[in-house]
Protein backbone atom coordinates (compact mmCIF):
# COMPACT_ATOMS: atom_id res chain seq x y z
CA MET A 1 -9.69 -2.86 14.34
CA ALA A 2 -8.44 -6.59 13.50
CA GLU A 3 -9.59 -6.15 10.23
CA ALA A 4 -7.88 -2.45 9.61
CA GLU A 5 -4.92 -4.23 10.84
CA ASN A 6 -4.96 -7.02 8.32
CA ASN A 7 -5.41 -4.51 5.45
CA PRO A 8 -2.88 -2.12 4.80
CA GLU A 9 -4.98 0.47 2.92
CA LYS A 10 -7.67 0.39 5.67
CA GLU A 11 -4.88 0.85 8.06
CA MET A 12 -3.48 3.72 6.28
CA VAL A 13 -6.84 5.55 6.42
CA LYS A 14 -7.16 4.90 9.87
CA GLN A 15 -3.93 6.52 10.66
CA PHE A 16 -4.50 9.41 8.02
CA HIS A 17 -7.91 10.24 10.21
CA GLU A 18 -6.23 9.94 13.54
CA ASN A 19 -3.49 12.27 12.33
CA ALA A 20 -6.22 14.77 11.22
CA ALA A 21 -7.71 14.66 14.44
CA LYS A 22 -4.56 15.18 16.17
CA GLY A 23 -3.65 18.21 14.02
CA ASP A 24 -0.21 16.51 12.83
CA ALA A 25 0.03 18.50 9.38
CA ALA A 26 3.26 17.11 8.74
CA LYS A 27 2.62 13.51 8.87
CA LEU A 28 -0.76 14.20 6.67
CA SER A 29 1.68 16.01 4.18
CA THR A 30 3.82 12.86 3.90
CA LEU A 31 1.17 10.54 3.43
CA LEU A 32 -0.57 12.48 0.72
CA ASN A 33 2.53 12.70 -1.04
CA TYR A 34 2.27 8.98 -1.82
CA SER A 35 -1.32 8.42 -1.92
CA THR A 36 -3.53 11.41 -2.63
CA PHE A 37 -6.40 9.42 -2.72
CA LEU A 38 -6.46 9.55 1.20
CA VAL A 39 -7.76 12.95 1.05
CA ASP A 40 -11.43 12.21 0.65
CA GLU A 41 -11.45 8.72 2.15
CA VAL A 42 -14.21 8.15 4.50
CA ASP A 43 -14.45 5.76 7.50
CA GLU A 44 -17.50 3.65 8.82
CA LYS A 45 -19.15 6.74 10.03
CA GLY A 46 -18.83 8.70 6.89
CA TRP A 47 -16.36 11.11 8.28
CA THR A 48 -13.41 12.33 6.31
CA ALA A 49 -9.97 13.69 7.55
CA LEU A 50 -11.50 17.23 7.07
CA MET A 51 -14.20 16.60 9.48
CA TYR A 52 -11.98 15.27 12.09
CA ALA A 53 -9.67 18.35 11.65
CA SER A 54 -12.93 20.75 11.96
CA ARG A 55 -14.05 18.64 14.89
CA ASN A 56 -10.96 19.53 16.97
CA GLY A 57 -10.30 23.08 15.46
CA HIS A 58 -7.16 22.32 13.56
CA SER A 59 -7.21 25.17 10.93
CA GLN A 60 -3.61 24.16 9.49
CA VAL A 61 -4.65 20.82 8.67
CA ALA A 62 -7.80 22.02 7.23
CA GLN A 63 -5.93 24.25 4.83
CA LEU A 64 -3.61 21.71 3.85
CA LEU A 65 -6.63 19.20 3.22
CA LEU A 66 -8.16 22.25 0.94
CA GLU A 67 -4.85 22.79 -0.77
CA LYS A 68 -4.65 18.93 -1.89
CA GLY A 69 -8.15 19.45 -3.07
CA CYS A 70 -10.49 17.80 -0.43
CA ASN A 71 -14.17 17.76 -1.23
CA THR A 72 -15.86 19.92 1.48
CA SER A 73 -19.37 19.16 0.25
CA PHE A 74 -19.36 15.74 1.58
CA SER A 75 -21.85 14.75 4.58
CA ASN A 76 -21.43 12.23 7.28
CA ASP A 77 -23.87 9.65 8.37
CA SER A 78 -25.44 12.40 10.58
CA GLY A 79 -25.73 14.44 7.59
CA GLN A 80 -23.03 17.07 8.52
CA THR A 81 -20.37 18.80 6.70
CA ALA A 82 -17.15 19.68 7.80
CA LEU A 83 -18.33 23.31 8.08
CA ASP A 84 -21.42 22.21 10.23
CA ILE A 85 -19.29 20.51 12.41
CA ALA A 86 -16.66 23.35 12.88
CA LYS A 87 -19.64 25.81 13.78
CA PHE A 88 -21.23 23.05 16.14
CA TRP A 89 -18.11 22.99 18.06
CA GLY A 90 -17.42 26.59 17.99
CA HIS A 91 -14.30 26.41 15.91
CA LYS A 92 -14.63 29.71 14.47
CA ASN A 93 -11.16 29.78 12.43
CA VAL A 94 -11.75 26.44 10.80
CA ALA A 95 -15.38 27.37 10.19
CA SER A 96 -14.30 30.89 8.52
CA LEU A 97 -11.41 29.01 6.61
CA LEU A 98 -14.10 26.62 5.03
CA ALA A 99 -16.70 29.27 4.33
CA ASN A 100 -13.83 31.48 2.51
CA PRO A 101 -11.01 29.33 1.59
CA LYS A 102 -7.67 30.94 1.17
CA PRO A 103 -6.19 31.98 -2.32
CA GLY A 104 -4.36 28.70 -3.51
CA ALA A 105 -7.04 26.32 -2.10
CA ARG A 106 -8.42 24.01 -4.62
CA SER A 107 -11.33 22.47 -2.67
CA ARG A 108 -13.51 20.51 -5.22
CA MET A 109 -16.87 21.83 -3.95
CA TRP A 110 -16.05 24.48 -6.47
CA SER A 111 -14.33 22.60 -9.00
CA ASP A 112 -16.15 21.35 -12.03
CA SER A 113 -13.11 18.84 -12.95
CA PRO A 114 -12.21 16.64 -10.09
CA GLU A 115 -8.33 15.79 -10.02
CA GLU A 116 -7.81 12.12 -10.34
CA SER A 117 -5.77 10.38 -7.63
CA GLU A 118 -3.82 7.14 -7.86
CA ASN A 119 -4.14 4.54 -5.11
CA TYR A 120 -0.78 3.82 -3.77
CA PHE A 121 -1.86 0.06 -3.81
CA SER A 122 -3.29 0.02 -7.24
CA ARG A 123 -0.16 -1.28 -9.23
CA THR A 124 0.93 -4.70 -9.77
CA LEU A 125 3.73 -6.58 -10.76
CA LEU A 126 2.17 -9.97 -11.30
CA ASN A 127 -0.46 -11.31 -13.77
CA ARG A 128 -2.18 -13.92 -11.29
CA LEU A 129 -2.28 -16.90 -13.85
CA SER A 130 -5.42 -18.34 -12.31
CA VAL A 131 -5.49 -21.29 -14.76
CA LYS A 132 -1.91 -22.31 -13.39
CA ARG A 133 -3.09 -22.63 -9.69
CA SER A 134 -4.56 -26.25 -10.38
CA ASN A 135 -1.55 -27.34 -12.48
CA SER A 136 0.65 -29.24 -9.76
CA ASP A 137 3.41 -30.40 -12.08
CA TRP A 138 3.53 -26.53 -13.44
CA LEU A 139 3.74 -25.36 -9.84
CA LYS A 140 6.43 -27.92 -8.80
CA ASP A 141 8.52 -27.23 -11.76
CA LYS A 142 8.35 -23.43 -11.08
CA GLU A 143 9.15 -23.81 -7.42
CA ILE A 144 12.56 -25.22 -8.05
CA GLN A 145 13.62 -22.94 -10.85
CA PRO A 146 16.62 -20.51 -10.12
CA THR A 147 14.66 -17.69 -11.51
CA THR A 148 11.78 -18.19 -9.15
CA VAL A 149 11.36 -15.57 -6.67
CA TYR A 150 10.07 -16.15 -3.10
CA ILE A 151 8.81 -13.54 -0.34
CA LEU A 152 8.47 -14.26 3.09
CA PHE A 153 6.25 -12.85 5.74
CA SER A 154 6.26 -13.21 9.49
CA ASN A 155 2.55 -11.97 10.94
CA LEU A 156 2.04 -10.43 7.76
CA ASN A 157 5.40 -8.27 7.74
CA PRO A 158 7.27 -8.76 4.56
CA LEU A 159 11.09 -9.37 4.85
CA VAL A 160 12.68 -6.54 3.09
CA THR A 161 16.35 -5.34 2.22
CA SER A 162 17.52 -1.75 1.74
CA ALA A 163 17.20 -0.07 -1.92
CA LYS A 164 19.25 2.66 -3.47
CA CYS A 165 16.81 5.59 -3.95
CA GLU A 166 17.25 8.53 -6.55
CA ASP A 167 15.27 10.68 -4.36
CA SER A 168 17.71 10.93 -1.31
CA ARG A 169 14.91 12.15 0.81
CA LYS A 170 13.47 8.98 0.78
CA ALA A 171 14.33 5.91 2.68
CA GLY A 172 13.91 3.27 -0.01
CA ILE A 173 13.30 -0.40 0.84
CA HIS A 174 12.31 -3.34 -1.43
CA LEU A 175 11.02 -6.84 -0.92
CA CYS A 176 13.68 -9.29 -0.20
CA ARG A 177 13.33 -11.51 -3.26
CA LEU A 178 14.87 -14.63 -2.24
CA GLN A 179 15.73 -17.76 -4.60
CA TYR A 180 14.92 -21.43 -4.25
CA GLU A 181 18.50 -22.25 -2.82
CA ASP A 182 17.53 -19.75 -0.18
CA VAL A 183 14.23 -21.57 0.83
CA GLU A 184 15.04 -24.98 0.15
CA GLN A 185 15.21 -26.30 3.67
CA ILE A 186 12.24 -24.33 4.70
CA LEU A 187 10.07 -25.99 2.12
CA THR A 188 10.98 -29.45 3.42
CA LYS A 189 9.14 -28.75 6.80
CA SER A 190 5.33 -29.42 6.99
CA GLU A 191 4.84 -26.21 8.83
CA PHE A 192 5.89 -24.04 6.01
CA THR A 193 3.63 -23.54 3.00
CA SER A 194 4.27 -21.95 -0.31
CA ILE A 195 1.47 -19.85 -1.90
CA PHE A 196 1.72 -19.24 -5.71
CA LEU A 197 1.03 -15.48 -6.16
CA GLY A 198 1.55 -15.33 -10.23
CA ALA A 199 4.15 -14.55 -12.81
CA GLU A 200 5.84 -11.15 -13.54
CA LEU A 201 4.02 -9.18 -16.27
CA GLN A 202 5.98 -9.45 -19.31
CA ARG A 203 6.64 -5.87 -21.30
CA ASN A 204 6.28 -5.26 -25.04
CA HIS A 205 8.67 -3.17 -26.87
CA SER A 206 6.76 0.25 -25.85
CA GLY A 207 7.44 -0.77 -22.27
CA SER A 208 3.65 -1.25 -21.25
CA CYS A 209 2.63 -4.44 -19.33
CA VAL A 210 1.12 -7.45 -21.48
CA LYS A 211 -0.24 -10.61 -19.82
CA SER A 212 2.05 -13.41 -19.62
CA GLY A 213 1.14 -16.41 -21.79
CA GLU A 214 -1.02 -19.09 -20.20
CA GLY A 215 -1.06 -21.62 -22.81
CA SER A 216 2.56 -23.10 -21.97
CA ALA A 217 2.18 -26.57 -20.81
CA PHE A 218 5.69 -26.80 -19.01
CA ALA A 219 7.39 -24.49 -16.82
CA GLU A 220 10.94 -25.01 -18.44
CA ASP A 221 10.00 -23.70 -21.86
CA ASP A 222 7.59 -20.91 -20.87
CA GLY A 223 10.05 -18.29 -19.79
CA LEU A 224 7.54 -17.13 -17.07
CA VAL A 225 9.11 -15.95 -13.77
CA ALA A 226 6.88 -17.34 -11.12
CA TRP A 227 6.69 -15.76 -7.46
CA PHE A 228 5.46 -17.46 -4.24
CA ALA A 229 4.95 -16.33 -0.68
CA ILE A 230 5.89 -18.24 2.33
CA ASN A 231 4.75 -17.52 5.89
CA ALA A 232 7.92 -17.79 7.95
CA ASP A 233 6.57 -17.10 11.35
CA PHE A 234 8.89 -19.74 12.76
CA ALA A 235 11.86 -19.06 10.36
CA ALA A 236 15.15 -17.42 12.09
CA ILE A 237 16.07 -14.44 9.91
CA GLU A 238 19.91 -15.01 10.77
CA LYS A 239 20.03 -17.42 7.98
CA PHE A 240 19.16 -15.17 5.44
CA ARG A 241 21.49 -12.35 6.73
CA VAL A 242 24.19 -14.56 5.20
CA LYS A 243 23.23 -13.56 1.69
CA TYR A 244 21.05 -10.47 2.56
CA PRO A 245 23.02 -8.86 5.51
CA ASP A 246 20.39 -6.10 5.99
CA CYS A 247 17.04 -7.99 5.61
CA ARG A 248 14.70 -7.59 8.24
CA PHE A 249 11.04 -8.04 8.59
CA LEU A 250 9.12 -4.81 8.13
CA GLN A 251 7.77 -3.07 11.47
CA PRO A 252 5.39 -1.27 11.97
CA LEU A 253 4.01 -1.47 8.64
CA ILE A 254 2.73 2.04 8.52
CA PRO A 255 4.32 4.33 7.58
CA HIS A 256 7.32 2.06 6.49
CA LEU A 257 5.19 0.43 3.98
CA LEU A 258 5.23 3.44 2.18
CA ASN A 259 8.87 3.08 1.15
CA LEU A 260 8.28 0.40 -1.08
CA ASN A 261 7.67 1.39 -4.81
CA ASN A 262 4.20 1.19 -6.13
CA GLU A 263 4.30 -2.08 -7.67
CA GLU A 264 5.93 -4.19 -4.51
CA ALA A 265 3.35 -2.29 -2.37
CA GLY A 266 0.32 -3.36 -4.63
CA GLU A 267 1.59 -7.01 -4.45
CA TYR A 268 1.83 -6.74 -0.59
CA SER A 269 -1.79 -5.53 -0.19
CA ARG A 270 -2.97 -8.52 -2.35
CA ILE A 271 -1.19 -11.12 -0.41
CA SER A 272 -2.42 -9.78 2.84
């Protein structure tokens, strides 16, 4: 349980399975809109969402998962498929659906070319720049630069602000990107420590990401935008609301974490 709570991806899989077991097709559909990889994720017992839906007789959830391309041939640690589970517990509607999927269902049991899915947390904004982590002078210079970005956390909950989103159906948020002047007083206190996360990936003329240069000796001439994280468990959020009126620590993480863009969600998963 503690491991899942500290890992947003595992927590998402856990909640996905719980919603499948409850028969909450609406929540499952929302999660799948962001992260299609969830459809066939297994837990420590080898169970998928389809198996949990089959166990409890939720035919609507089973149909949704089939339409999203779930694999019906998976077996759990006991060697049971979702169809086996539905038959064992006497859920004839689900068993019939799995044995004879409705038109439009795209189960991968019959697909020659499984559809690729993207992990919502797989993207990144930063180059880790591992060679710079032992360069104390470079890090000290970067900490005080006005372009440097600071991300605050409280019990692994990131400080966020509202974001304007093109899709009006989605309540957008983004990580609150603080500057050195915002956190200068915090950094003078011994109980707060900053952690270097990396430098923003630079893009070439085609728009694709390229690794930031690692050979520059001094921060002031390398053009790299550094990111740091600060554990702000004891920091008063009111001091940041002067400059960022709607900032707040994100609670609960799931499902609100899905309102971050993919790159920022990816950075969060690496920090946590």
